[in-house]
Amino acid sequence: MRDVLKFLMIGPPIVHVAPRGEVHVDVPLMYQGFALDRVHFDPEAMSPSPKGRPVRARVRPPSEAEVRETMEEVLQGLYVLDGAEFREPEWCWAVPLAWEHMIVAHIKVSAETGEVVPDYALTQEVMRYAE
């Protein structure tokens, strides 16, 4: 699993602005052209947010360049935690990725084949934003 880390890339930041002006930013982790998971990005602190805590801030949306610059540094600091959680509907293991002191993403691995399992819905979303 740790070998996958060296092939991860940052996908295009996905920025949502709600009707009341709240900004929400997700950054996909890409592997061989597929998105594996999204990192919630705090546009106020300009850093990742823990998994499960998407941030909605009332700030100006950060530029793609600002997010990419920060996330490229974060990518270098990602590490695999020793442990995994089983997800029955997908029949896979979810292996947590951490940055500094928090889990920021998961990589799913097939329980049958040991192959990395892409997040197909997120991959489609990335394709829409990349156009």
C-alpha atoms as a PDB file:
ATOM      1  CA  MET A   1       0.000   0.000   0.000  1.00  0.00           C
ATOM      2  CA  ARG A   2       2.813   2.388   0.776  1.00  0.00           C
ATOM      3  CA  ASP A   3       4.017   1.972  -2.822  1.00  0.00           C
ATOM      4  CA  VAL A   4       0.809   3.616  -4.065  1.00  0.00           C
ATOM      5  CA  LEU A   5       1.707   6.860  -2.257  1.00  0.00           C
ATOM      6  CA  LYS A   6       4.561   7.657  -4.628  1.00  0.00           C
ATOM      7  CA  PHE A   7       2.138   7.519  -7.573  1.00  0.00           C
ATOM      8  CA  LEU A   8      -0.564   9.744  -6.063  1.00  0.00           C
ATOM      9  CA  MET A   9      -1.214  13.074  -7.729  1.00  0.00           C
ATOM     10  CA  ILE A  10      -3.368  16.063  -6.887  1.00  0.00           C
ATOM     11  CA  GLY A  11      -6.466  16.410  -9.055  1.00  0.00           C
ATOM     12  CA  PRO A  12      -8.205  19.672  -9.884  1.00  0.00           C
ATOM     13  CA  PRO A  13      -9.642  21.322  -6.768  1.00  0.00           C
ATOM     14  CA  ILE A  14     -13.428  21.153  -6.662  1.00  0.00           C
ATOM     15  CA  VAL A  15     -14.788  24.428  -5.312  1.00  0.00           C
ATOM     16  CA  HIS A  16     -18.431  24.833  -4.345  1.00  0.00           C
ATOM     17  CA  VAL A  17     -19.912  28.191  -3.339  1.00  0.00           C
ATOM     18  CA  ALA A  18     -23.253  27.870  -1.571  1.00  0.00           C
ATOM     19  CA  PRO A  19     -26.066  30.400  -2.109  1.00  0.00           C
ATOM     20  CA  ARG A  20     -25.192  32.124   1.166  1.00  0.00           C
ATOM     21  CA  GLY A  21     -21.549  32.428   0.146  1.00  0.00           C
ATOM     22  CA  GLU A  22     -20.034  29.522   2.080  1.00  0.00           C
ATOM     23  CA  VAL A  23     -17.021  28.067   0.290  1.00  0.00           C
ATOM     24  CA  HIS A  24     -16.330  24.323   0.315  1.00  0.00           C
ATOM     25  CA  VAL A  25     -13.202  22.882  -1.335  1.00  0.00           C
ATOM     26  CA  ASP A  26     -12.407  19.224  -2.030  1.00  0.00           C
ATOM     27  CA  VAL A  27      -9.118  18.057  -3.514  1.00  0.00           C
ATOM     28  CA  PRO A  28      -9.118  14.659  -5.243  1.00  0.00           C
ATOM     29  CA  LEU A  29      -6.222  12.260  -4.826  1.00  0.00           C
ATOM     30  CA  MET A  30      -5.562  10.714  -8.242  1.00  0.00           C
ATOM     31  CA  TYR A  31      -3.942   7.397  -9.108  1.00  0.00           C
ATOM     32  CA  GLN A  32      -3.455   6.236 -12.703  1.00  0.00           C
ATOM     33  CA  GLY A  33      -6.133   8.643 -13.952  1.00  0.00           C
ATOM     34  CA  PHE A  34      -8.729   7.669 -11.333  1.00  0.00           C
ATOM     35  CA  ALA A  35      -9.760   9.500  -8.175  1.00  0.00           C
ATOM     36  CA  LEU A  36      -9.295   7.473  -4.995  1.00  0.00           C
ATOM     37  CA  ASP A  37     -10.669   9.866  -2.390  1.00  0.00           C
ATOM     38  CA  ARG A  38     -11.136  13.546  -1.689  1.00  0.00           C
ATOM     39  CA  VAL A  39      -9.286  15.613   0.882  1.00  0.00           C
ATOM     40  CA  HIS A  40     -11.448  18.269   2.531  1.00  0.00           C
ATOM     41  CA  PHE A  41      -9.565  21.556   2.246  1.00  0.00           C
ATOM     42  CA  ASP A  42     -10.086  24.427   4.687  1.00  0.00           C
ATOM     43  CA  PRO A  43     -10.039  27.633   2.588  1.00  0.00           C
ATOM     44  CA  GLU A  44      -9.643  29.764   5.708  1.00  0.00           C
ATOM     45  CA  ALA A  45      -6.626  27.952   7.153  1.00  0.00           C
ATOM     46  CA  MET A  46      -5.385  26.953   3.662  1.00  0.00           C
ATOM     47  CA  SER A  47      -4.716  23.412   4.857  1.00  0.00           C
ATOM     48  CA  PRO A  48      -6.401  19.998   4.858  1.00  0.00           C
ATOM     49  CA  SER A  49      -9.218  19.307   7.263  1.00  0.00           C
ATOM     50  CA  PRO A  50      -9.725  15.951   9.001  1.00  0.00           C
ATOM     51  CA  LYS A  51     -11.736  13.330   7.101  1.00  0.00           C
ATOM     52  CA  GLY A  52     -15.409  13.680   7.963  1.00  0.00           C
ATOM     53  CA  ARG A  53     -15.125  17.409   8.720  1.00  0.00           C
ATOM     54  CA  PRO A  54     -15.788  19.269   5.497  1.00  0.00           C
ATOM     55  CA  VAL A  55     -15.267  22.979   6.014  1.00  0.00           C
ATOM     56  CA  ARG A  56     -17.688  25.612   4.815  1.00  0.00           C
ATOM     57  CA  ALA A  57     -16.130  29.020   5.311  1.00  0.00           C
ATOM     58  CA  ARG A  58     -17.255  32.520   4.432  1.00  0.00           C
ATOM     59  CA  VAL A  59     -14.094  33.568   2.613  1.00  0.00           C
ATOM     60  CA  ARG A  60     -13.212  34.256  -0.980  1.00  0.00           C
ATOM     61  CA  PRO A  61     -12.724  31.033  -2.927  1.00  0.00           C
ATOM     62  CA  PRO A  62      -9.003  30.226  -3.128  1.00  0.00           C
ATOM     63  CA  SER A  63      -7.446  30.014  -6.565  1.00  0.00           C
ATOM     64  CA  GLU A  64      -6.628  26.619  -8.025  1.00  0.00           C
ATOM     65  CA  ALA A  65      -2.938  27.563  -7.904  1.00  0.00           C
ATOM     66  CA  GLU A  66      -3.118  28.352  -4.165  1.00  0.00           C
ATOM     67  CA  VAL A  67      -4.815  25.051  -3.368  1.00  0.00           C
ATOM     68  CA  ARG A  68      -2.492  23.031  -5.610  1.00  0.00           C
ATOM     69  CA  GLU A  69       0.627  24.617  -4.105  1.00  0.00           C
ATOM     70  CA  THR A  70      -0.471  23.736  -0.574  1.00  0.00           C
ATOM     71  CA  MET A  71      -1.694  20.263  -1.494  1.00  0.00           C
ATOM     72  CA  GLU A  72       1.538  19.374  -3.340  1.00  0.00           C
ATOM     73  CA  GLU A  73       3.353  19.976  -0.036  1.00  0.00           C
ATOM     74  CA  VAL A  74       0.727  17.977   1.854  1.00  0.00           C
ATOM     75  CA  LEU A  75       1.070  15.134  -0.633  1.00  0.00           C
ATOM     76  CA  GLN A  76       4.746  14.822   0.292  1.00  0.00           C
ATOM     77  CA  GLY A  77       3.797  14.476   3.968  1.00  0.00           C
ATOM     78  CA  LEU A  78       1.071  11.832   3.578  1.00  0.00           C
ATOM     79  CA  TYR A  79       1.673   8.489   5.249  1.00  0.00           C
ATOM     80  CA  VAL A  80      -0.229   5.204   5.575  1.00  0.00           C
ATOM     81  CA  LEU A  81      -1.480   4.306   9.040  1.00  0.00           C
ATOM     82  CA  ASP A  82      -1.035   0.744  10.270  1.00  0.00           C
ATOM     83  CA  GLY A  83      -4.593  -0.515  10.268  1.00  0.00           C
ATOM     84  CA  ALA A  84      -7.652  -0.655   8.062  1.00  0.00           C
ATOM     85  CA  GLU A  85     -11.421  -0.727   8.230  1.00  0.00           C
ATOM     86  CA  PHE A  86     -13.538  -3.212   6.296  1.00  0.00           C
ATOM     87  CA  ARG A  87     -16.330  -1.870   4.106  1.00  0.00           C
ATOM     88  CA  GLU A  88     -18.779  -4.642   3.351  1.00  0.00           C
ATOM     89  CA  PRO A  89     -20.877  -3.151   0.542  1.00  0.00           C
ATOM     90  CA  GLU A  90     -17.744  -2.681  -1.575  1.00  0.00           C
ATOM     91  CA  TRP A  91     -15.982  -5.758  -0.123  1.00  0.00           C
ATOM     92  CA  CYS A  92     -12.778  -3.817   0.419  1.00  0.00           C
ATOM     93  CA  TRP A  93     -10.397  -2.530   3.033  1.00  0.00           C
ATOM     94  CA  ALA A  94     -10.241   1.225   3.644  1.00  0.00           C
ATOM     95  CA  VAL A  95      -6.666   2.108   4.521  1.00  0.00           C
ATOM     96  CA  PRO A  96      -6.310   5.512   6.203  1.00  0.00           C
ATOM     97  CA  LEU A  97      -3.895   8.150   4.954  1.00  0.00           C
ATOM     98  CA  ALA A  98      -2.689  10.680   7.488  1.00  0.00           C
ATOM     99  CA  TRP A  99      -1.045  14.061   7.316  1.00  0.00           C
ATOM    100  CA  GLU A 100       0.537  15.483  10.443  1.00  0.00           C
ATOM    101  CA  HIS A 101      -1.793  14.271  13.229  1.00  0.00           C
ATOM    102  CA  MET A 102      -5.028  13.602  11.342  1.00  0.00           C
ATOM    103  CA  ILE A 103      -6.600  11.178   8.893  1.00  0.00           C
ATOM    104  CA  VAL A 104      -7.340  13.083   5.687  1.00  0.00           C
ATOM    105  CA  ALA A 105      -8.265  10.318   3.218  1.00  0.00           C
ATOM    106  CA  HIS A 106      -8.673   6.582   2.667  1.00  0.00           C
ATOM    107  CA  ILE A 107      -7.464   4.294  -0.079  1.00  0.00           C
ATOM    108  CA  LYS A 108      -9.772   1.362  -0.735  1.00  0.00           C
ATOM    109  CA  VAL A 109      -8.203  -1.989  -1.527  1.00  0.00           C
ATOM    110  CA  SER A 110     -10.188  -4.957  -2.851  1.00  0.00           C
ATOM    111  CA  ALA A 111     -10.455  -7.769  -0.296  1.00  0.00           C
ATOM    112  CA  GLU A 112     -10.452 -10.287  -3.149  1.00  0.00           C
ATOM    113  CA  THR A 113      -7.683  -9.073  -5.454  1.00  0.00           C
ATOM    114  CA  GLY A 114      -5.645  -6.623  -3.368  1.00  0.00           C
ATOM    115  CA  GLU A 115      -6.000  -3.989  -6.105  1.00  0.00           C
ATOM    116  CA  VAL A 116      -6.692  -0.325  -5.434  1.00  0.00           C
ATOM    117  CA  VAL A 117     -10.401   0.483  -5.845  1.00  0.00           C
ATOM    118  CA  PRO A 118     -11.168   3.867  -7.452  1.00  0.00           C
ATOM    119  CA  ASP A 119     -14.000   6.136  -6.377  1.00  0.00           C
ATOM    120  CA  TYR A 120     -15.876   6.155  -9.687  1.00  0.00           C
ATOM    121  CA  ALA A 121     -18.390   8.850  -8.695  1.00  0.00           C
ATOM    122  CA  LEU A 122     -15.560  11.176  -7.675  1.00  0.00           C
ATOM    123  CA  THR A 123     -13.679  10.344 -10.880  1.00  0.00           C
ATOM    124  CA  GLN A 124     -16.718  11.478 -12.878  1.00  0.00           C
ATOM    125  CA  GLU A 125     -16.917  14.670 -10.818  1.00  0.00           C
ATOM    126  CA  VAL A 126     -13.232  15.345 -11.485  1.00  0.00           C
ATOM    127  CA  MET A 127     -13.835  14.906 -15.234  1.00  0.00           C
ATOM    128  CA  ARG A 128     -16.621  17.501 -15.091  1.00  0.00           C
ATOM    129  CA  TYR A 129     -14.355  20.004 -13.296  1.00  0.00           C
ATOM    130  CA  ALA A 130     -11.371  19.358 -15.547  1.00  0.00           C
ATOM    131  CA  GLU A 131     -13.283  20.438 -18.651  1.00  0.00           C
END
